[in-house]
Amino acid sequence: MVKKANTENTKNTLNIDFLNRLCAEGTDGMSYDDICEAFCINKRTAQRWVATVMRLFPNYLMVRRTKRNKFFSVDFTKNTNYSFDFTPSDVSSLKKAIDALDAAPEQLGDDEALVRADLKRLHSKITAADDSSKKKNSYESNTEASLRSTNSAVRFRGPHFEVDDTMVTRLNNFIYSRSVCQIFYRSNNSPDGKLYLVAPIGFLYGNTQYLVAKIVPEALIAELTKDANIVHIEEPDLDIIRGNKGDTPIYKFFKLSNIVTCVDYKKEDSRRPYHRRAPDGSIIGLVQPKKPQAPKNIYFAIDEKETVDNIIYNSFGIFLSKDVYHMKWRFDPYASSHLNNYQFVTPSERQKISKDVEGRITVEFDACGVAEMKWFLDKFGPHVEVLEPANWDEIVAKEMESNDILPV
């Protein structure tokens, strides 16, 4: 049976209900079949609607392609000028539905279809707005420390590397929009610099400031079809995210002071001339493609658990390493008197603190980052004793001093 198009929805204009659905459907999005079924339209009309959204919002339409289907969604969380406005009709229909259903469902009568349609639209708007709010909160949790780079916050005091505020702002935008970007990075191991294609996740601030990111393989972008613009690099396993299993680290920390340049990555339109063939297979002539489209941004999708807090969960400070040690420190009464309500590791649930009759504080936790623990303990001098691990001096010599690590 062929579906007949709804004449009210076949105009070659933007259908706001369709746009709300694209915003509300989450990360999976809607396929052409989903659109046709939801709005009782044919596939050609669905294609026109998608083309209209693509033309009006090229930076916000997300296209994901599986083997046989395309899925579309819209993410307006990075657009502060767009909002979901509720109309008086939405409020009236919702109030009418609530009152009628409270009294008797059968009293909706002839208005039942209209009320149901209005409620569906209202549900889509509320869902989209709620999803935008969640994404914004997730973004803010990853970039909260970036406020230190703005003029409205207290500047860094004491010795530190100088960081270009303009570059931080640019990286901030890439994190917010989930855009793949290119950074040129100089490190101690490669003083000549190297170009990286990265998916920036968030900032990490200590004595040194870092960008936390995932490397994006160029092969993933090359595999995208001409209209797809999302690379999927999700890691749903929390143990791998926290480094509890897996041999190869999947996250990289870049010193902000060592990032020379940071630019957005755009995929070029790679359409080439092709030969047109007759039914018998013979070549008729060369076909030139239409005018190439402008290069477009590439976005990345990561799992909601891939936050900076989870990535550095096992770290004492900032440094990540494969080996996690059980630490047990005891401070003398003088040092303990200065450590009331002190948080040794983040989150605080990781630490276990006790105090004996002599007023000595003992703290236990599991963590990696031997160098930062050594620098922290050195500040206390003879006022602290390392009870565990028993071979602490050997661990320090192996992981810190032999690797020539300095606190910068």
Protein backbone atom coordinates (compact mmCIF):
# COMPACT_ATOMS: atom_id res chain seq x y z
CA MET A 1 0.00 0.00 0.00
CA VAL A 2 1.42 3.38 -1.03
CA LYS A 3 1.10 6.18 1.54
CA LYS A 4 -0.55 9.36 0.35
CA ALA A 5 1.23 12.52 1.36
CA ASN A 6 -0.45 14.87 3.79
CA THR A 7 -1.09 18.05 1.77
CA GLU A 8 -0.42 20.26 4.79
CA ASN A 9 3.09 18.85 5.16
CA THR A 10 4.27 18.75 1.54
CA LYS A 11 5.27 22.39 1.23
CA ASN A 12 8.93 22.77 0.33
CA THR A 13 9.57 24.75 3.52
CA LEU A 14 10.91 23.97 6.96
CA ASN A 15 8.44 21.94 9.02
CA ILE A 16 8.99 23.03 12.61
CA ASP A 17 7.48 19.83 14.03
CA PHE A 18 9.90 17.81 11.93
CA LEU A 19 12.80 19.93 13.22
CA ASN A 20 11.66 19.40 16.82
CA ARG A 21 11.57 15.65 16.24
CA LEU A 22 15.10 15.69 14.84
CA CYS A 23 16.24 17.49 17.99
CA ALA A 24 14.35 15.15 20.31
CA GLU A 25 15.24 11.77 18.85
CA GLY A 26 18.62 11.60 20.58
CA THR A 27 21.89 10.31 19.20
CA ASP A 28 20.37 7.67 16.88
CA GLY A 29 18.34 10.15 14.88
CA MET A 30 15.59 9.38 12.33
CA SER A 31 15.91 7.47 9.10
CA TYR A 32 13.86 8.25 5.98
CA ASP A 33 11.51 5.41 6.91
CA ASP A 34 11.07 6.85 10.41
CA ILE A 35 10.25 10.29 8.96
CA CYS A 36 7.75 8.88 6.47
CA GLU A 37 5.97 6.89 9.15
CA ALA A 38 5.93 9.69 11.73
CA PHE A 39 4.50 12.33 9.37
CA CYS A 40 2.63 10.14 6.84
CA ILE A 41 4.64 11.44 3.88
CA ASN A 42 6.42 9.77 0.99
CA LYS A 43 10.18 9.40 0.76
CA ARG A 44 10.64 12.20 -1.79
CA THR A 45 8.98 14.67 0.58
CA ALA A 46 11.14 13.39 3.42
CA GLN A 47 14.22 14.01 1.27
CA ARG A 48 13.08 17.57 0.59
CA TRP A 49 12.58 18.21 4.29
CA VAL A 50 16.05 16.90 5.12
CA ALA A 51 17.54 18.98 2.29
CA THR A 52 15.84 22.08 3.71
CA VAL A 53 17.30 21.46 7.17
CA MET A 54 20.70 20.80 5.61
CA ARG A 55 20.49 24.10 3.72
CA LEU A 56 19.30 26.19 6.69
CA PHE A 57 21.37 24.55 9.43
CA PRO A 58 24.49 23.02 7.81
CA ASN A 59 26.49 23.18 11.05
CA TYR A 60 23.84 21.52 13.21
CA LEU A 61 22.50 18.66 11.09
CA MET A 62 24.17 15.39 12.11
CA VAL A 63 24.20 12.62 9.55
CA ARG A 64 25.02 9.05 10.55
CA ARG A 65 25.16 6.29 7.98
CA THR A 66 24.85 2.56 8.54
CA LYS A 67 25.26 -0.07 5.85
CA ARG A 68 21.78 0.46 4.41
CA ASN A 69 20.28 3.56 6.06
CA LYS A 70 21.01 7.18 6.86
CA PHE A 71 19.96 8.65 10.18
CA PHE A 72 19.49 12.38 10.75
CA SER A 73 19.44 14.41 13.94
CA VAL A 74 19.93 18.07 14.86
CA ASP A 75 22.04 19.37 17.72
CA PHE A 76 21.35 23.00 18.60
CA THR A 77 23.18 22.90 21.95
CA LYS A 78 26.03 24.94 20.48
CA ASN A 79 23.67 27.58 19.01
CA THR A 80 22.76 30.13 21.67
CA ASN A 81 20.40 31.98 19.27
CA TYR A 82 18.00 29.05 18.85
CA SER A 83 15.35 28.25 21.44
CA PHE A 84 12.24 26.11 21.66
CA ASP A 85 9.29 28.46 22.08
CA PHE A 86 6.01 27.09 23.39
CA THR A 87 2.87 28.47 21.72
CA PRO A 88 -0.48 29.25 23.45
CA SER A 89 -1.96 26.36 21.47
CA ASP A 90 0.49 23.96 23.11
CA VAL A 91 -0.42 25.12 26.60
CA SER A 92 -4.15 25.17 25.85
CA SER A 93 -4.15 21.66 24.38
CA LEU A 94 -2.12 20.29 27.25
CA LYS A 95 -4.46 21.89 29.82
CA LYS A 96 -7.51 20.63 27.95
CA ALA A 97 -6.13 17.11 27.73
CA ILE A 98 -5.28 17.01 31.42
CA ASP A 99 -8.69 18.31 32.48
CA ALA A 100 -10.57 16.02 30.10
CA LEU A 101 -8.60 12.91 30.96
CA ASP A 102 -9.06 13.61 34.66
CA ALA A 103 -12.82 13.78 34.22
CA ALA A 104 -13.39 11.13 31.55
CA PRO A 105 -11.20 10.14 28.59
CA GLU A 106 -14.21 9.72 26.29
CA GLN A 107 -15.09 13.43 26.60
CA LEU A 108 -12.33 14.46 24.18
CA GLY A 109 -14.82 13.82 21.40
CA ASP A 110 -14.08 15.45 18.03
CA ASP A 111 -11.06 17.30 19.39
CA GLU A 112 -9.23 14.08 20.20
CA ALA A 113 -7.08 14.06 17.03
CA LEU A 114 -6.10 17.72 17.40
CA VAL A 115 -5.25 17.34 21.08
CA ARG A 116 -3.15 14.25 20.41
CA ALA A 117 -1.23 16.03 17.64
CA ASP A 118 -0.57 19.06 19.85
CA LEU A 119 0.56 16.87 22.71
CA LYS A 120 2.97 15.04 20.40
CA ARG A 121 4.48 18.33 19.29
CA LEU A 122 4.74 19.54 22.86
CA HIS A 123 6.40 16.30 23.93
CA SER A 124 8.98 16.67 21.15
CA LYS A 125 9.78 20.23 22.16
CA ILE A 126 10.12 19.39 25.84
CA THR A 127 12.27 16.36 25.05
CA ALA A 128 14.51 18.40 22.76
CA ALA A 129 14.90 21.18 25.31
CA ASP A 130 15.67 18.69 28.07
CA ASP A 131 18.24 16.91 25.89
CA SER A 132 19.89 20.25 25.09
CA SER A 133 20.06 21.05 28.79
CA LYS A 134 21.73 17.72 29.59
CA LYS A 135 24.31 18.17 26.85
CA LYS A 136 25.03 21.70 28.02
CA ASN A 137 25.51 20.50 31.61
CA SER A 138 27.88 17.77 30.39
CA TYR A 139 29.84 20.32 28.41
CA GLU A 140 30.05 22.69 31.36
CA SER A 141 31.33 19.92 33.65
CA ASN A 142 34.19 19.28 31.23
CA THR A 143 35.09 22.92 30.69
CA GLU A 144 34.41 24.48 34.08
CA ALA A 145 38.09 25.11 34.65
CA SER A 146 38.35 26.91 31.33
CA LEU A 147 36.68 29.89 33.01
CA ARG A 148 40.06 30.61 34.51
CA SER A 149 41.17 31.82 31.09
CA THR A 150 38.50 34.54 30.93
CA ASN A 151 38.83 38.11 32.13
CA SER A 152 35.93 37.68 34.56
CA ALA A 153 37.80 35.11 36.66
CA VAL A 154 40.88 35.29 38.85
CA ARG A 155 44.04 34.84 36.81
CA PHE A 156 46.67 32.23 37.57
CA ARG A 157 49.07 33.31 40.26
CA GLY A 158 52.58 32.06 40.86
CA PRO A 159 54.88 30.35 38.34
CA HIS A 160 53.11 28.82 35.36
CA PHE A 161 53.34 28.47 31.59
CA GLU A 162 51.79 31.28 29.58
CA VAL A 163 48.80 30.18 27.47
CA ASP A 164 47.19 32.03 24.59
CA ASP A 165 43.63 32.92 25.69
CA THR A 166 42.48 33.14 22.06
CA MET A 167 43.53 29.54 21.45
CA VAL A 168 41.77 28.40 24.64
CA THR A 169 38.58 30.11 23.47
CA ARG A 170 38.85 28.39 20.10
CA LEU A 171 39.39 25.00 21.73
CA ASN A 172 36.46 25.73 24.03
CA ASN A 173 34.21 26.16 21.00
CA PHE A 174 35.41 22.89 19.49
CA ILE A 175 34.65 21.07 22.75
CA TYR A 176 31.18 22.61 22.91
CA SER A 177 30.32 21.84 19.29
CA ARG A 178 31.93 18.37 19.36
CA SER A 179 33.97 19.32 16.27
CA VAL A 180 37.08 17.54 15.04
CA CYS A 181 40.03 19.94 14.90
CA GLN A 182 43.70 20.00 13.96
CA ILE A 183 46.40 21.05 16.38
CA PHE A 184 50.10 21.56 15.74
CA TYR A 185 51.91 20.43 18.87
CA ARG A 186 55.51 20.70 20.03
CA SER A 187 56.69 18.45 22.84
CA ASN A 188 60.01 17.55 24.43
CA ASN A 189 60.08 14.36 22.37
CA SER A 190 59.27 16.15 19.09
CA PRO A 191 60.62 19.72 19.26
CA ASP A 192 59.99 20.21 15.52
CA GLY A 193 56.27 19.72 16.12
CA LYS A 194 53.64 17.32 14.85
CA LEU A 195 50.13 17.72 13.42
CA TYR A 196 47.34 15.89 15.25
CA LEU A 197 43.71 15.33 14.28
CA VAL A 198 41.82 15.28 17.57
CA ALA A 199 38.42 15.16 19.22
CA PRO A 200 38.77 17.58 22.17
CA ILE A 201 36.91 16.47 25.32
CA GLY A 202 37.80 19.02 27.98
CA PHE A 203 40.44 20.91 29.92
CA LEU A 204 42.46 19.78 32.92
CA TYR A 205 44.08 22.36 35.18
CA GLY A 206 46.86 21.95 37.71
CA ASN A 207 50.25 23.61 37.87
CA THR A 208 50.26 22.86 34.15
CA GLN A 209 47.21 23.19 31.91
CA TYR A 210 46.20 20.38 29.55
CA LEU A 211 43.76 19.60 26.77
CA VAL A 212 42.22 16.12 27.10
CA ALA A 213 41.43 14.65 23.68
CA LYS A 214 41.12 11.50 21.59
CA ILE A 215 43.11 11.01 18.40
CA VAL A 216 40.81 10.72 15.36
CA PRO A 217 42.14 8.30 12.71
CA GLU A 218 41.99 9.89 9.27
CA ALA A 219 40.77 6.54 7.92
CA LEU A 220 37.49 7.01 9.81
CA ILE A 221 36.89 10.32 8.08
CA ALA A 222 37.88 8.90 4.70
CA GLU A 223 35.26 6.15 5.14
CA LEU A 224 32.44 8.68 5.55
CA THR A 225 30.09 9.08 2.63
CA LYS A 226 29.87 12.48 0.98
CA ASP A 227 26.88 13.56 3.10
CA ALA A 228 27.84 11.96 6.43
CA ASN A 229 29.62 14.23 8.89
CA ILE A 230 29.97 12.29 12.18
CA VAL A 231 32.79 9.94 13.20
CA HIS A 232 31.82 7.52 15.94
CA ILE A 233 34.61 6.99 18.45
CA GLU A 234 32.52 6.06 21.48
CA GLU A 235 34.02 3.98 24.29
CA PRO A 236 31.17 2.70 26.50
CA ASP A 237 33.31 0.57 28.85
CA LEU A 238 33.92 2.57 32.04
CA ASP A 239 36.87 0.35 33.02
CA ILE A 240 38.66 1.20 29.78
CA ILE A 241 37.83 4.90 30.18
CA ARG A 242 39.33 4.88 33.68
CA GLY A 243 42.32 2.85 32.55
CA ASN A 244 41.48 -0.21 34.63
CA LYS A 245 41.88 -2.46 31.60
CA GLY A 246 43.26 -2.23 28.10
CA ASP A 247 46.92 -2.01 27.13
CA THR A 248 46.84 1.12 24.96
CA PRO A 249 45.76 4.52 26.37
CA ILE A 250 42.91 5.94 24.29
CA TYR A 251 43.21 9.51 25.57
CA LYS A 252 46.02 11.98 25.09
CA PHE A 253 46.95 15.01 27.19
CA PHE A 254 48.33 18.04 25.35
CA LYS A 255 50.03 20.87 27.26
CA LEU A 256 48.17 24.01 26.29
CA SER A 257 51.42 25.95 26.32
CA ASN A 258 52.86 23.58 23.67
CA ILE A 259 49.93 23.84 21.24
CA VAL A 260 51.20 26.15 18.50
CA THR A 261 48.07 26.35 16.34
CA CYS A 262 44.52 25.08 16.51
CA VAL A 263 42.18 25.17 13.49
CA ASP A 264 38.92 23.51 12.55
CA TYR A 265 39.06 20.49 10.26
CA LYS A 266 36.97 20.59 7.12
CA LYS A 267 36.36 17.71 4.76
CA GLU A 268 36.79 18.61 1.10
CA ASP A 269 34.22 17.55 -1.50
CA SER A 270 36.02 14.78 -3.38
CA ARG A 271 33.64 14.23 -6.29
CA ARG A 272 35.49 13.41 -9.51
CA PRO A 273 34.51 13.12 -13.20
CA TYR A 274 33.20 9.69 -14.16
CA HIS A 275 32.40 7.82 -17.38
CA ARG A 276 28.80 7.31 -18.44
CA ARG A 277 28.12 3.89 -19.90
CA ALA A 278 25.50 2.49 -22.23
CA PRO A 279 23.38 -0.53 -21.27
CA ASP A 280 25.85 -2.76 -23.12
CA GLY A 281 28.70 -1.42 -20.99
CA SER A 282 30.35 0.74 -23.62
CA ILE A 283 31.59 4.20 -22.63
CA ILE A 284 29.43 7.03 -23.96
CA GLY A 285 31.28 10.04 -22.54
CA LEU A 286 32.77 11.78 -19.56
CA VAL A 287 30.42 13.31 -17.00
CA GLN A 288 31.59 16.32 -15.03
CA PRO A 289 30.18 16.49 -11.48
CA LYS A 290 28.08 19.42 -10.37
CA LYS A 291 29.68 22.41 -8.71
CA PRO A 292 31.63 21.10 -5.71
CA GLN A 293 30.12 21.86 -2.33
CA ALA A 294 31.96 23.94 0.23
CA PRO A 295 34.13 22.00 2.71
CA LYS A 296 32.19 20.99 5.80
CA ASN A 297 33.01 20.43 9.44
CA ILE A 298 33.33 16.92 10.81
CA TYR A 299 31.82 16.16 14.21
CA PHE A 300 32.57 13.34 16.63
CA ALA A 301 30.38 11.24 18.90
CA ILE A 302 31.67 9.98 22.25
CA ASP A 303 29.96 8.12 25.05
CA GLU A 304 28.30 10.13 27.82
CA LYS A 305 30.64 8.44 30.32
CA GLU A 306 33.72 9.84 28.57
CA THR A 307 34.13 12.86 30.83
CA VAL A 308 37.37 14.33 32.16
CA ASP A 309 36.40 13.22 35.68
CA ASN A 310 36.13 9.59 34.58
CA ILE A 311 39.26 9.70 32.42
CA ILE A 312 41.47 10.84 35.33
CA TYR A 313 39.53 8.91 37.98
CA ASN A 314 42.59 6.93 39.17
CA SER A 315 45.01 9.87 39.05
CA PHE A 316 46.40 11.48 42.18
CA GLY A 317 46.68 14.74 40.28
CA ILE A 318 46.94 15.00 36.51
CA PHE A 319 49.43 12.35 35.42
CA LEU A 320 48.09 9.06 34.11
CA SER A 321 50.07 5.83 34.30
CA LYS A 322 49.30 2.16 33.93
CA ASP A 323 50.21 1.11 37.49
CA VAL A 324 47.80 1.99 40.31
CA TYR A 325 49.20 1.66 43.84
CA HIS A 326 47.52 1.34 47.22
CA MET A 327 48.82 4.26 49.25
CA LYS A 328 48.78 4.59 53.05
CA TRP A 329 50.22 7.75 54.61
CA ARG A 330 50.42 8.74 58.27
CA PHE A 331 50.94 12.37 59.31
CA ASP A 332 52.31 13.42 62.71
CA PRO A 333 50.09 15.47 65.12
CA TYR A 334 51.57 18.79 63.94
CA ALA A 335 50.80 18.15 60.25
CA SER A 336 47.47 16.52 61.10
CA SER A 337 46.30 19.68 62.83
CA HIS A 338 46.53 21.43 59.45
CA LEU A 339 44.74 18.70 57.48
CA ASN A 340 41.22 18.73 58.90
CA ASN A 341 38.67 18.25 56.08
CA TYR A 342 41.53 17.86 53.59
CA GLN A 343 40.73 16.09 50.32
CA PHE A 344 43.74 14.09 49.17
CA VAL A 345 42.19 12.59 46.03
CA THR A 346 39.17 13.32 43.83
CA PRO A 347 36.45 12.21 44.26
CA SER A 348 36.66 12.14 48.03
CA GLU A 349 34.90 8.75 48.18
CA ARG A 350 38.18 7.18 47.05
CA GLN A 351 39.95 8.06 50.30
CA LYS A 352 39.64 6.52 53.75
CA ILE A 353 40.77 8.72 56.66
CA SER A 354 41.19 7.81 60.33
CA LYS A 355 42.64 9.60 63.36
CA ASP A 356 44.26 7.89 66.34
CA VAL A 357 44.36 8.96 69.99
CA GLU A 358 47.62 10.81 69.44
CA GLY A 359 45.98 13.03 66.84
CA ARG A 360 47.76 11.45 63.85
CA ILE A 361 45.82 11.27 60.58
CA THR A 362 46.15 8.19 58.39
CA VAL A 363 44.83 8.26 54.83
CA GLU A 364 44.44 5.35 52.39
CA PHE A 365 43.56 5.40 48.69
CA ASP A 366 44.41 3.81 45.34
CA ALA A 367 46.01 6.07 42.74
CA CYS A 368 48.50 6.42 39.92
CA GLY A 369 50.87 9.31 39.30
CA VAL A 370 53.93 8.54 41.40
CA ALA A 371 55.70 11.80 40.54
CA GLU A 372 52.90 14.02 41.82
CA MET A 373 52.56 11.96 45.00
CA LYS A 374 56.32 12.29 45.58
CA TRP A 375 56.21 16.09 45.11
CA PHE A 376 53.25 16.32 47.48
CA LEU A 377 54.96 14.27 50.19
CA ASP A 378 58.20 16.23 49.89
CA LYS A 379 56.38 19.36 51.02
CA PHE A 380 55.70 17.74 54.40
CA GLY A 381 59.27 16.57 54.96
CA PRO A 382 59.59 14.51 58.19
CA HIS A 383 55.95 15.16 59.15
CA VAL A 384 54.64 12.27 57.00
CA GLU A 385 55.42 8.56 56.84
CA VAL A 386 54.66 6.26 53.90
CA LEU A 387 53.32 3.02 55.36
CA GLU A 388 52.28 1.45 52.04
CA PRO A 389 53.62 0.45 49.60
CA ALA A 390 56.60 -0.91 51.53
CA ASN A 391 58.93 -0.45 48.54
CA TRP A 392 57.95 3.20 47.97
CA ASP A 393 61.52 4.40 47.45
CA GLU A 394 62.10 1.76 44.76
CA ILE A 395 58.89 2.75 42.97
CA VAL A 396 59.91 6.43 43.00
CA ALA A 397 63.36 5.64 41.63
CA LYS A 398 61.88 3.47 38.89
CA GLU A 399 58.96 5.62 37.75
CA MET A 400 60.16 9.14 38.48
CA GLU A 401 63.85 9.73 38.92
CA SER A 402 64.95 7.32 36.19
CA ASN A 403 62.49 8.96 33.75
CA ASP A 404 63.81 12.45 34.51
CA ILE A 405 60.37 13.85 35.48
CA LEU A 406 60.16 17.42 36.73
CA PRO A 407 57.14 19.20 38.29
CA VAL A 408 56.43 21.32 35.20
